[in-house]
Amino acid sequence: MTKAQRRVGVLEAKTHLSQLLREVERGDDVILLRAGKPVARITRLERAKPRQSSFGLFKGQIKMSDDFDADSDELADLFGIPR
C-alpha cells in the first residue's frame, strides 16, 4: 500500500496545519515546498512498543549454587589474585 503524498507550500502549510496533521495521522505524507522545491516531509510517527520488564523474565530458569560467592583458590589463581 503506497502512501498519498500531498505537496504544499509553506504558506499553505502554515494556514492549514491542523488539517495537514489530520491527513498525516491517517497515514498520508505531506511534502513541504519552498519556492516550488521540496524541503521537508511531514510523516506519521510509529508508536514505540512498550518495553517488557526484564525483572522475572528468567525466573525459575537460572540455577545458582548456594556457595557461588565463596572464596576459591582456583579462581584466585586464574585471575592472579594473591592468597
C-alpha atoms as a PDB file:
ATOM      1  CA  MET A   1       0.000   0.000   0.000  1.00  0.00           C
ATOM      2  CA  THR A   2       1.509   3.303  -1.028  1.00  0.00           C
ATOM      3  CA  LYS A   3       1.025   6.456   0.981  1.00  0.00           C
ATOM      4  CA  ALA A   4      -0.535   9.519  -0.573  1.00  0.00           C
ATOM      5  CA  GLN A   5       1.934  12.394  -0.733  1.00  0.00           C
ATOM      6  CA  ARG A   6       0.366  15.810  -0.764  1.00  0.00           C
ATOM      7  CA  ARG A   7       2.686  18.653  -1.775  1.00  0.00           C
ATOM      8  CA  VAL A   8       2.052  22.033  -0.165  1.00  0.00           C
ATOM      9  CA  GLY A   9       3.849  25.336   0.002  1.00  0.00           C
ATOM     10  CA  VAL A  10       4.994  26.836   3.284  1.00  0.00           C
ATOM     11  CA  LEU A  11       2.236  29.491   3.386  1.00  0.00           C
ATOM     12  CA  GLU A  12      -0.497  26.899   2.777  1.00  0.00           C
ATOM     13  CA  ALA A  13       1.065  24.625   5.428  1.00  0.00           C
ATOM     14  CA  LYS A  14       1.026  27.443   7.978  1.00  0.00           C
ATOM     15  CA  THR A  15      -2.597  28.246   7.153  1.00  0.00           C
ATOM     16  CA  HIS A  16      -3.856  24.632   7.194  1.00  0.00           C
ATOM     17  CA  LEU A  17      -1.508  22.925   9.658  1.00  0.00           C
ATOM     18  CA  SER A  18      -4.291  21.268  11.679  1.00  0.00           C
ATOM     19  CA  GLN A  19      -5.821  19.790   8.527  1.00  0.00           C
ATOM     20  CA  LEU A  20      -2.424  18.573   7.323  1.00  0.00           C
ATOM     21  CA  LEU A  21      -1.789  16.898  10.672  1.00  0.00           C
ATOM     22  CA  ARG A  22      -5.112  15.040  10.411  1.00  0.00           C
ATOM     23  CA  GLU A  23      -4.030  13.760   6.991  1.00  0.00           C
ATOM     24  CA  VAL A  24      -0.699  12.652   8.449  1.00  0.00           C
ATOM     25  CA  GLU A  25      -2.480  10.852  11.300  1.00  0.00           C
ATOM     26  CA  ARG A  26      -4.436   8.914   8.673  1.00  0.00           C
ATOM     27  CA  GLY A  27      -1.132   7.734   7.221  1.00  0.00           C
ATOM     28  CA  ASP A  28      -0.545  10.211   4.385  1.00  0.00           C
ATOM     29  CA  ASP A  29       2.728  12.095   3.980  1.00  0.00           C
ATOM     30  CA  VAL A  30       2.910  15.821   3.344  1.00  0.00           C
ATOM     31  CA  ILE A  31       5.813  17.267   1.362  1.00  0.00           C
ATOM     32  CA  LEU A  32       6.607  20.892   2.177  1.00  0.00           C
ATOM     33  CA  LEU A  33       7.757  23.071  -0.695  1.00  0.00           C
ATOM     34  CA  ARG A  34       9.693  26.328  -0.640  1.00  0.00           C
ATOM     35  CA  ALA A  35       9.700  28.166  -3.956  1.00  0.00           C
ATOM     36  CA  GLY A  36       8.307  25.001  -5.550  1.00  0.00           C
ATOM     37  CA  LYS A  37      11.160  22.789  -4.334  1.00  0.00           C
ATOM     38  CA  PRO A  38      10.681  20.026  -1.735  1.00  0.00           C
ATOM     39  CA  VAL A  39      12.427  20.822   1.553  1.00  0.00           C
ATOM     40  CA  ALA A  40      10.752  18.648   4.203  1.00  0.00           C
ATOM     41  CA  ARG A  41       8.343  15.796   4.773  1.00  0.00           C
ATOM     42  CA  ILE A  42       5.733  15.534   7.498  1.00  0.00           C
ATOM     43  CA  THR A  43       5.142  11.876   8.227  1.00  0.00           C
ATOM     44  CA  ARG A  44       3.345   9.899  10.897  1.00  0.00           C
ATOM     45  CA  LEU A  45       5.404   8.641  13.813  1.00  0.00           C
ATOM     46  CA  GLU A  46       5.145   4.976  14.652  1.00  0.00           C
ATOM     47  CA  ARG A  47       4.364   4.463  18.302  1.00  0.00           C
ATOM     48  CA  ALA A  48       7.060   2.628  20.197  1.00  0.00           C
ATOM     49  CA  LYS A  49       6.020  -0.701  21.668  1.00  0.00           C
ATOM     50  CA  PRO A  50       6.073  -0.714  25.462  1.00  0.00           C
ATOM     51  CA  ARG A  51       9.174  -2.374  26.823  1.00  0.00           C
ATOM     52  CA  GLN A  52       8.726  -5.602  28.673  1.00  0.00           C
ATOM     53  CA  SER A  53      10.304  -5.525  32.083  1.00  0.00           C
ATOM     54  CA  SER A  54      13.218  -7.913  32.386  1.00  0.00           C
ATOM     55  CA  PHE A  55      12.530  -8.452  36.091  1.00  0.00           C
ATOM     56  CA  GLY A  56      11.414 -12.035  36.470  1.00  0.00           C
ATOM     57  CA  LEU A  57      11.902 -12.785  32.793  1.00  0.00           C
ATOM     58  CA  PHE A  58      14.136 -15.785  33.549  1.00  0.00           C
ATOM     59  CA  LYS A  59      12.540 -16.718  36.871  1.00  0.00           C
ATOM     60  CA  GLY A  60      12.969 -20.422  37.501  1.00  0.00           C
ATOM     61  CA  GLN A  61      15.346 -20.876  34.545  1.00  0.00           C
ATOM     62  CA  ILE A  62      18.639 -19.948  36.200  1.00  0.00           C
ATOM     63  CA  LYS A  63      20.155 -22.117  38.905  1.00  0.00           C
ATOM     64  CA  MET A  64      22.909 -20.879  41.213  1.00  0.00           C
ATOM     65  CA  SER A  65      24.668 -22.897  43.899  1.00  0.00           C
ATOM     66  CA  ASP A  66      24.427 -21.715  47.491  1.00  0.00           C
ATOM     67  CA  ASP A  67      28.189 -21.121  47.657  1.00  0.00           C
ATOM     68  CA  PHE A  68      28.545 -19.251  44.339  1.00  0.00           C
ATOM     69  CA  ASP A  69      30.328 -16.373  46.071  1.00  0.00           C
ATOM     70  CA  ALA A  70      32.630 -18.460  48.273  1.00  0.00           C
ATOM     71  CA  ASP A  71      36.383 -17.876  48.052  1.00  0.00           C
ATOM     72  CA  SER A  72      38.054 -20.188  45.570  1.00  0.00           C
ATOM     73  CA  ASP A  73      41.778 -20.853  45.285  1.00  0.00           C
ATOM     74  CA  GLU A  74      41.245 -21.936  41.684  1.00  0.00           C
ATOM     75  CA  LEU A  75      39.614 -18.627  40.701  1.00  0.00           C
ATOM     76  CA  ALA A  76      42.216 -16.631  42.601  1.00  0.00           C
ATOM     77  CA  ASP A  77      44.925 -18.401  40.619  1.00  0.00           C
ATOM     78  CA  LEU A  78      43.088 -17.795  37.301  1.00  0.00           C
ATOM     79  CA  PHE A  79      42.915 -14.048  37.955  1.00  0.00           C
ATOM     80  CA  GLY A  80      46.338 -13.779  39.567  1.00  0.00           C
ATOM     81  CA  ILE A  81      44.971 -12.735  42.958  1.00  0.00           C
ATOM     82  CA  PRO A  82      47.488 -13.385  45.745  1.00  0.00           C
ATOM     83  CA  ARG A  83      46.131 -15.529  48.614  1.00  0.00           C
END
